[in-house]
Protein backbone atom coordinates (compact mmCIF):
# COMPACT_ATOMS: atom_id res chain seq x y z
CA MET A 1 -7.11 12.45 2.94
CA ASN A 2 -8.25 11.93 6.53
CA ALA A 3 -10.48 9.09 7.66
CA GLN A 4 -13.64 11.21 7.74
CA ASN A 5 -13.17 12.43 4.18
CA MET A 6 -12.43 8.87 3.07
CA GLU A 7 -15.68 7.68 4.64
CA ASN A 8 -17.60 10.44 2.87
CA ALA A 9 -16.01 9.79 -0.54
CA LEU A 10 -16.09 5.99 -0.61
CA THR A 11 -19.11 4.03 0.52
CA PRO A 12 -18.41 1.11 2.87
CA ARG A 13 -19.34 -1.20 0.00
CA ARG A 14 -16.74 0.30 -2.35
CA GLN A 15 -14.17 0.35 0.43
CA GLY A 16 -14.71 -3.39 0.77
CA LEU A 17 -14.35 -3.95 -2.98
CA ALA A 18 -11.11 -1.96 -3.06
CA VAL A 19 -9.49 -3.72 -0.12
CA ILE A 20 -10.33 -7.30 -1.14
CA ALA A 21 -9.13 -6.54 -4.68
CA ALA A 22 -5.76 -5.22 -3.52
CA LEU A 23 -5.24 -8.12 -1.12
CA GLU A 24 -6.15 -10.60 -3.87
CA ALA A 25 -3.49 -9.06 -6.10
CA LYS A 26 -0.97 -9.02 -3.25
CA GLY A 27 -1.64 -12.69 -2.53
CA ASP A 28 -2.28 -12.00 1.16
CA GLN A 29 -4.83 -14.68 2.01
CA ALA A 30 -4.88 -14.02 5.76
CA GLY A 31 -5.49 -10.33 5.18
CA LEU A 32 -8.09 -11.12 2.54
CA ALA A 33 -10.02 -13.36 4.94
CA ARG A 34 -10.21 -10.55 7.50
CA ALA A 35 -11.10 -7.95 4.87
CA ALA A 36 -13.77 -10.14 3.29
CA ALA A 37 -15.48 -10.66 6.66
CA GLU A 38 -15.35 -6.91 7.33
CA ALA A 39 -16.73 -6.11 3.87
CA LEU A 40 -19.59 -8.58 4.30
CA ASP A 41 -20.36 -7.06 7.70
CA LYS A 42 -20.60 -3.63 6.03
CA GLY A 43 -23.04 -4.71 3.35
CA LEU A 44 -21.06 -6.16 0.45
CA THR A 45 -23.08 -9.04 -0.96
CA ILE A 46 -21.76 -12.52 -1.64
CA SER A 47 -22.46 -12.06 -5.36
CA GLU A 48 -20.47 -8.80 -5.48
CA ALA A 49 -17.50 -10.29 -3.63
CA LYS A 50 -17.44 -13.33 -5.93
CA GLU A 51 -17.70 -11.13 -9.01
CA ALA A 52 -14.85 -8.83 -8.00
CA LEU A 53 -12.49 -11.73 -7.27
CA SER A 54 -13.52 -13.54 -10.47
CA GLN A 55 -12.96 -10.45 -12.63
CA LEU A 56 -9.43 -10.13 -11.32
CA TYR A 57 -8.24 -13.29 -13.06
CA ALA A 58 -7.95 -11.08 -16.15
CA TYR A 59 -5.54 -8.76 -14.29
CA THR A 60 -3.73 -10.95 -11.76
CA GLY A 61 -4.07 -14.43 -13.29
CA PHE A 62 -6.14 -17.49 -12.46
CA PRO A 63 -3.87 -18.67 -9.58
CA ARG A 64 -4.42 -15.56 -7.46
CA SER A 65 -8.08 -15.29 -8.42
CA LEU A 66 -8.80 -18.93 -7.55
CA ASN A 67 -6.82 -18.69 -4.30
CA ALA A 68 -8.87 -15.64 -3.32
CA LEU A 69 -12.17 -17.30 -4.22
CA GLY A 70 -11.15 -20.29 -2.10
CA THR A 71 -10.46 -17.96 0.81
CA LEU A 72 -13.84 -16.28 0.35
CA GLN A 73 -15.53 -19.70 0.28
CA ARG A 74 -13.91 -20.66 3.59
CA VAL A 75 -14.86 -17.32 5.16
CA LEU A 76 -18.48 -17.77 4.11
CA ALA A 77 -18.58 -21.34 5.44
CA ALA A 78 -17.15 -20.26 8.80
CA ARG A 79 -19.60 -17.38 9.07
CA GLN A 80 -22.53 -19.64 8.21
CA ALA A 81 -21.40 -22.12 10.86
CA ALA A 82 -21.30 -19.25 13.35
CA GLY A 83 -24.89 -18.32 12.51
CA ILE A 84 -24.04 -15.24 10.42
CA HIS A 85 -26.37 -14.85 7.45
CA ASP A 86 -24.72 -12.84 4.69
CA THR A 87 -26.75 -11.23 1.92
CA PRO A 88 -26.57 -13.38 -1.24
CA GLY A 89 -27.09 -10.44 -3.58
CA LYS A 90 -28.27 -10.48 -7.16
CA ASP A 91 -26.46 -12.48 -9.82
CA ALA A 92 -25.81 -10.95 -13.24
CA ASP A 93 -28.74 -10.91 -15.64
CA PRO A 94 -28.59 -13.34 -18.58
CA LEU A 95 -27.29 -11.81 -21.80
CA PRO A 96 -29.65 -11.54 -24.78
CA GLU A 97 -29.38 -14.25 -27.43
CA ASP A 98 -28.11 -11.78 -30.01
CA TYR A 99 -25.43 -10.36 -27.69
CA ASP A 100 -22.27 -9.45 -29.61
CA ALA A 101 -19.36 -9.54 -27.14
CA LEU A 102 -16.85 -8.05 -29.58
CA LYS A 103 -19.12 -5.14 -30.50
CA GLN A 104 -20.11 -4.40 -26.91
CA GLY A 105 -16.57 -4.83 -25.62
CA THR A 106 -15.19 -2.47 -28.23
CA ALA A 107 -17.67 0.18 -27.12
CA VAL A 108 -16.81 -0.31 -23.44
CA GLN A 109 -13.05 -0.21 -24.10
CA THR A 110 -13.46 2.95 -26.17
CA ARG A 111 -15.37 4.62 -23.35
CA LEU A 112 -12.77 3.59 -20.79
CA SER A 113 -9.83 4.67 -22.95
CA GLY A 114 -11.48 7.89 -24.10
CA GLN A 115 -10.73 6.93 -27.70
CA PRO A 116 -10.73 3.85 -29.95
CA PHE A 117 -7.96 1.45 -28.98
CA ASP A 118 -6.59 -1.32 -31.20
CA TYR A 119 -3.67 -3.49 -30.10
CA THR A 120 -2.44 -4.29 -33.60
CA PHE A 121 0.87 -5.64 -32.31
CA VAL A 122 -0.94 -8.80 -31.07
CA PRO A 123 -4.39 -9.05 -32.69
CA ALA A 124 -5.32 -12.07 -30.58
CA THR A 125 -4.75 -10.12 -27.36
CA ASP A 126 -6.75 -7.23 -28.83
CA TYR A 127 -9.64 -9.66 -29.35
CA TYR A 128 -9.37 -11.08 -25.82
CA LEU A 129 -9.46 -7.59 -24.33
CA LYS A 130 -12.47 -6.49 -26.36
CA ALA A 131 -14.60 -9.61 -26.58
CA HIS A 132 -13.82 -11.28 -23.29
CA LEU A 133 -12.67 -8.72 -20.70
CA PHE A 134 -14.65 -5.66 -21.77
CA GLY A 135 -17.34 -7.72 -23.49
CA ASP A 136 -18.17 -10.87 -21.52
CA ILE A 137 -16.95 -9.80 -18.09
CA PHE A 138 -17.97 -6.12 -18.08
CA ALA A 139 -21.40 -7.12 -19.43
CA ARG A 140 -22.19 -8.83 -16.15
CA ASN A 141 -24.30 -6.23 -14.38
CA ASN A 142 -23.96 -7.32 -10.76
CA LEU A 143 -21.12 -4.78 -10.60
CA SER A 144 -21.26 -1.41 -12.31
CA PHE A 145 -18.51 -0.16 -14.61
CA ALA A 146 -17.40 2.20 -11.85
CA ASP A 147 -17.31 -0.67 -9.34
CA ARG A 148 -15.17 -2.69 -11.71
CA GLU A 149 -12.67 0.14 -12.12
CA ILE A 150 -12.44 0.61 -8.34
CA VAL A 151 -11.57 -3.09 -8.21
CA THR A 152 -9.07 -2.85 -11.06
CA VAL A 153 -7.28 0.28 -9.84
CA SER A 154 -6.94 -1.16 -6.34
CA ALA A 155 -5.62 -4.48 -7.62
CA ILE A 156 -3.05 -2.96 -10.00
CA SER A 157 -1.86 -0.74 -7.14
CA ALA A 158 -0.76 -3.96 -5.45
CA LEU A 159 1.23 -5.15 -8.47
CA PRO A 160 4.84 -3.89 -8.65
CA GLY A 161 6.04 -2.79 -12.06
CA CYS A 162 2.62 -2.03 -13.55
CA GLY A 163 2.79 1.78 -13.47
CA PRO A 164 1.61 2.42 -17.06
CA GLN A 165 -1.44 0.19 -16.60
CA LEU A 166 -2.24 1.82 -13.27
CA ILE A 167 -2.09 5.29 -14.80
CA ALA A 168 -4.29 4.14 -17.69
CA HIS A 169 -6.90 2.69 -15.34
CA VAL A 170 -6.94 5.72 -13.03
CA SER A 171 -7.75 7.76 -16.12
CA GLY A 172 -10.23 5.15 -17.33
CA ALA A 173 -11.94 5.00 -13.94
CA ARG A 174 -12.91 8.64 -14.32
CA ASN A 175 -14.44 7.85 -17.70
CA MET A 176 -16.43 5.04 -16.08
CA GLY A 177 -17.96 7.24 -13.40
CA VAL A 178 -15.51 7.01 -10.49
CA THR A 179 -15.21 10.48 -8.96
CA ASP A 180 -11.92 12.23 -8.29
CA ALA A 181 -12.85 12.29 -4.60
CA GLU A 182 -13.21 8.50 -4.61
CA LEU A 183 -9.87 8.06 -6.35
CA ARG A 184 -8.16 10.39 -3.88
CA ALA A 185 -9.66 8.44 -0.98
CA LEU A 186 -8.21 5.13 -2.13
CA PRO A 187 -4.54 5.62 -1.13
CA ALA A 188 -5.35 6.26 2.53
CA LEU A 189 -7.61 3.21 2.54
CA LEU A 190 -4.94 1.02 0.95
CA GLU A 191 -2.28 2.32 3.34
CA GLU A 192 -4.45 1.43 6.32
CA LYS A 193 -5.74 -1.93 5.13
CA VAL A 194 -3.21 -3.27 2.62
CA GLY A 195 0.20 -1.62 2.76
CA LEU A 196 2.28 1.49 2.33
CA ALA A 197 3.85 0.48 -1.00
CA GLU A 198 0.44 -0.11 -2.57
CA ALA A 199 -0.79 3.30 -1.45
CA GLU A 200 2.38 4.98 -2.68
CA ARG A 201 2.04 3.49 -6.17
CA LEU A 202 -1.48 4.86 -6.43
CA ARG A 203 -0.46 8.29 -5.14
CA GLY A 204 2.11 8.42 -7.92
CA ALA A 205 -0.52 7.56 -10.53
CA LEU A 206 -2.90 10.19 -9.15
CA LYS A 207 -0.13 12.75 -9.46
CA ASP A 208 0.27 11.89 -13.14
CA VAL A 209 -3.46 11.87 -13.93
CA LEU A 210 -4.95 14.47 -11.59
CA GLY A 211 -1.88 16.65 -11.05
CA ASP A 212 -1.95 16.08 -7.30
CA ASP A 213 0.97 17.45 -5.31
CA HIS A 214 2.94 14.40 -4.23
CA THR A 215 6.62 13.62 -3.78
CA SER A 216 7.35 9.94 -4.27
CA VAL A 217 9.09 8.22 -1.39
CA GLN A 218 10.80 4.87 -1.05
CA THR A 219 8.71 2.52 1.05
CA VAL A 220 9.61 -0.50 3.16
CA ASP A 221 7.79 -3.80 3.58
CA PHE A 222 6.52 -4.07 7.13
CA ALA A 223 5.87 -7.78 6.57
CA VAL A 224 9.65 -8.28 6.57
CA TRP A 225 10.63 -6.03 9.48
CA PRO A 226 7.69 -5.04 11.68
CA LYS A 227 6.75 -1.40 12.01
CA GLY A 228 5.76 -1.75 15.64
CA GLU A 229 3.90 0.85 17.64
CA PRO A 230 4.31 4.65 17.75
CA ASN A 231 7.47 5.46 19.68
CA THR A 232 5.60 7.60 22.20
CA SER A 233 8.09 7.15 25.04
CA TYR A 234 10.79 8.94 23.05
CA ALA A 235 8.64 11.12 20.77
CA GLN A 236 9.90 14.28 22.48
CA TYR A 237 13.40 13.48 21.24
CA PHE A 238 12.39 12.97 17.59
CA THR A 239 11.50 15.27 14.70
CA GLY A 240 8.77 13.41 12.81
CA ASN A 241 7.16 10.07 13.58
CA SER A 242 9.02 6.94 14.58
CA TYR A 243 7.87 3.45 15.54
CA LEU A 244 9.35 0.82 17.84
CA ALA A 245 9.17 -2.97 17.56
CA PRO A 246 11.01 -4.94 20.30
CA MET A 247 12.66 -8.00 18.73
CA GLY A 248 13.85 -9.72 21.91
CA GLY A 249 17.28 -10.08 23.44
CA GLY A 250 17.69 -6.35 23.88
CA VAL A 251 17.29 -5.73 20.13
CA ALA A 252 14.67 -3.32 18.78
CA ASN A 253 13.63 -2.41 15.26
CA VAL A 254 13.10 1.33 14.86
CA THR A 255 11.12 2.63 11.88
CA PHE A 256 11.50 6.25 10.74
CA GLU A 257 9.06 7.94 8.36
CA PRO A 258 10.63 10.11 5.60
CA GLY A 259 12.44 13.07 7.15
CA CYS A 260 12.22 11.71 10.69
CA ARG A 261 15.36 11.86 12.81
CA ASN A 262 16.24 11.79 16.47
CA ASN A 263 17.91 14.62 18.38
CA TRP A 264 21.63 14.87 18.85
CA HIS A 265 22.43 12.53 21.73
CA ILE A 266 25.24 10.74 23.55
CA HIS A 267 25.43 7.21 24.96
CA HIS A 268 27.48 7.22 28.15
CA LYS A 269 29.22 4.05 29.35
CA GLN A 270 27.81 1.93 26.52
CA VAL A 271 28.27 1.37 22.78
CA GLN A 272 25.25 1.50 20.47
CA VAL A 273 25.10 -0.64 17.32
CA LEU A 274 22.85 0.20 14.36
CA ILE A 275 22.09 -2.25 11.53
CA CYS A 276 20.08 -0.73 8.69
CA VAL A 277 17.63 -3.32 7.34
CA ALA A 278 15.34 -1.36 4.98
CA GLY A 279 15.04 1.98 3.21
CA ARG A 280 17.58 4.79 3.26
CA GLY A 281 18.76 7.16 5.96
CA TRP A 282 21.68 8.94 7.61
CA TYR A 283 24.01 8.66 10.58
CA GLN A 284 26.14 11.64 11.60
CA GLU A 285 28.64 12.33 14.34
CA TRP A 286 29.24 15.88 15.57
CA GLY A 287 31.76 17.63 13.35
CA LYS A 288 31.86 14.86 10.73
CA PRO A 289 30.11 14.26 7.37
CA ALA A 290 26.90 12.23 7.43
CA VAL A 291 27.19 8.52 6.60
CA PRO A 292 24.49 6.92 4.38
CA LEU A 293 22.40 4.16 5.94
CA THR A 294 21.27 1.52 3.44
CA PRO A 295 20.35 -2.15 4.02
CA GLY A 296 23.38 -3.94 5.42
CA THR A 297 25.09 -0.84 6.80
CA ILE A 298 26.41 -1.44 10.33
CA ILE A 299 27.37 1.48 12.56
CA GLU A 300 29.14 1.02 15.89
CA ILE A 301 28.77 4.25 17.84
CA PRO A 302 31.58 4.81 20.34
CA GLU A 303 30.78 5.68 23.93
CA GLY A 304 30.56 9.43 24.55
CA VAL A 305 30.17 10.49 20.87
CA LYS A 306 27.50 13.08 20.03
CA HIS A 307 25.45 11.89 17.03
CA TRP A 308 22.04 11.50 15.39
CA HIS A 309 20.41 9.08 12.94
CA GLY A 310 17.22 9.05 10.89
CA ALA A 311 15.53 8.57 7.52
CA ALA A 312 16.28 10.32 4.25
CA ALA A 313 13.78 12.97 3.22
CA ASP A 314 12.39 10.76 0.45
CA SER A 315 12.50 7.35 2.09
CA TRP A 316 11.30 5.37 5.06
CA MET A 317 14.11 3.70 6.99
CA GLN A 318 14.37 0.85 9.46
CA HIS A 319 17.32 -0.10 11.60
CA LEU A 320 17.93 -2.60 14.35
CA THR A 321 19.57 -1.21 17.44
CA PHE A 322 21.14 -2.68 20.55
CA HIS A 323 23.80 -1.76 23.10
CA LYS A 324 26.98 -3.57 24.04
CA ASP A 325 29.95 -3.03 26.37
CA ILE A 326 27.50 -1.72 28.92
CA GLN A 327 29.10 -0.44 32.10
CA PRO A 328 27.46 0.35 35.45
CA GLY A 329 25.71 3.71 35.38
CA SER A 330 25.15 3.75 31.61
CA THR A 331 22.83 6.52 30.38
CA ASN A 332 21.52 8.24 27.26
CA GLU A 333 21.92 12.02 27.18
CA TRP A 334 19.40 13.67 24.87
CA LEU A 335 20.44 17.02 23.44
CA GLU A 336 19.11 19.61 20.99
CA PRO A 337 17.11 18.70 17.85
CA VAL A 338 18.83 18.38 14.49
CA THR A 339 17.82 21.60 12.76
CA ASP A 340 16.34 21.65 9.28
CA GLY A 341 19.50 23.39 8.09
CA GLN A 342 21.74 20.68 9.53
CA TYR A 343 19.51 17.95 8.12
CA ASN A 344 19.15 19.48 4.67
CA ASN A 345 22.91 19.87 4.32
CA VAL A 346 23.57 16.14 4.41
CA GLY A 347 22.30 15.72 0.80
CA PHE A 348 19.86 13.13 -0.48
CA THR A 349 21.68 11.14 -3.15
CA LEU A 350 22.87 7.91 -1.57
């Protein structure tokens, strides 16, 4: 979904809720501080931000929730000191004296699940879910049910290994009033503001729930090896998008999106060294079988050998590259692109 469609599907307020929720779950306090300020600038109230981060203790634990609330508190103090007056917003209305948390929570959980749900394996947990999470917390009306599911879906997208819960909450979000257009807008937002892995997890869940056409790909963590900037200087010699991050000392980190590869080329009067650091890809010399690139693979490319390298079709890939044994008059000779037929014949099981 492009940026314009994302803007149309998700209000700025809900974009803010989604991003701060995912960053809370990821534990990225620096990112959360920036996102919280941006969300407040776009109209999210202090009450709504507090409520979203408080709710998440039930999904991500008290440590992450309290860390995030501390970050929000510091952001608000800094903004107040700078003369920025954020909208306090409305706190939740008091509950009636005869409020029955278990009864109300059971009704809310049934609506979200689409059917009655009883966790008989651990009755105490069943009670906590009904009476506390879907009763006490969801009864607080400073966020709507749909808001709360936007928060939950975004947060669980940032939690590795929680696929079944993510699928359940994508389905439940629809029952709580979140539109399919809003759900489909979330991955692009998360990819831009939070990370590629978080977006990819949600795309997989949307495929399962909505039947969206999506092929899962292996992601890489750009916090470990930087993605860098679009490799525009050499884009004409690549099929697909690549990114370049200079690392100093003549070393560069090159990031390839799935299916991206460079043209056949030759290094004259120099030896190129590749060190794969993330994802999966391929290296191939002319007339020889392709060699898998996985983290730790080191390739020393002899001078004068025609070759190419790039990502697997279903994975991002990053490798460090540098040159050695450089002689006077060293050059790179760029040749023809690697055809789809040549690329597809290397196979994809590494």
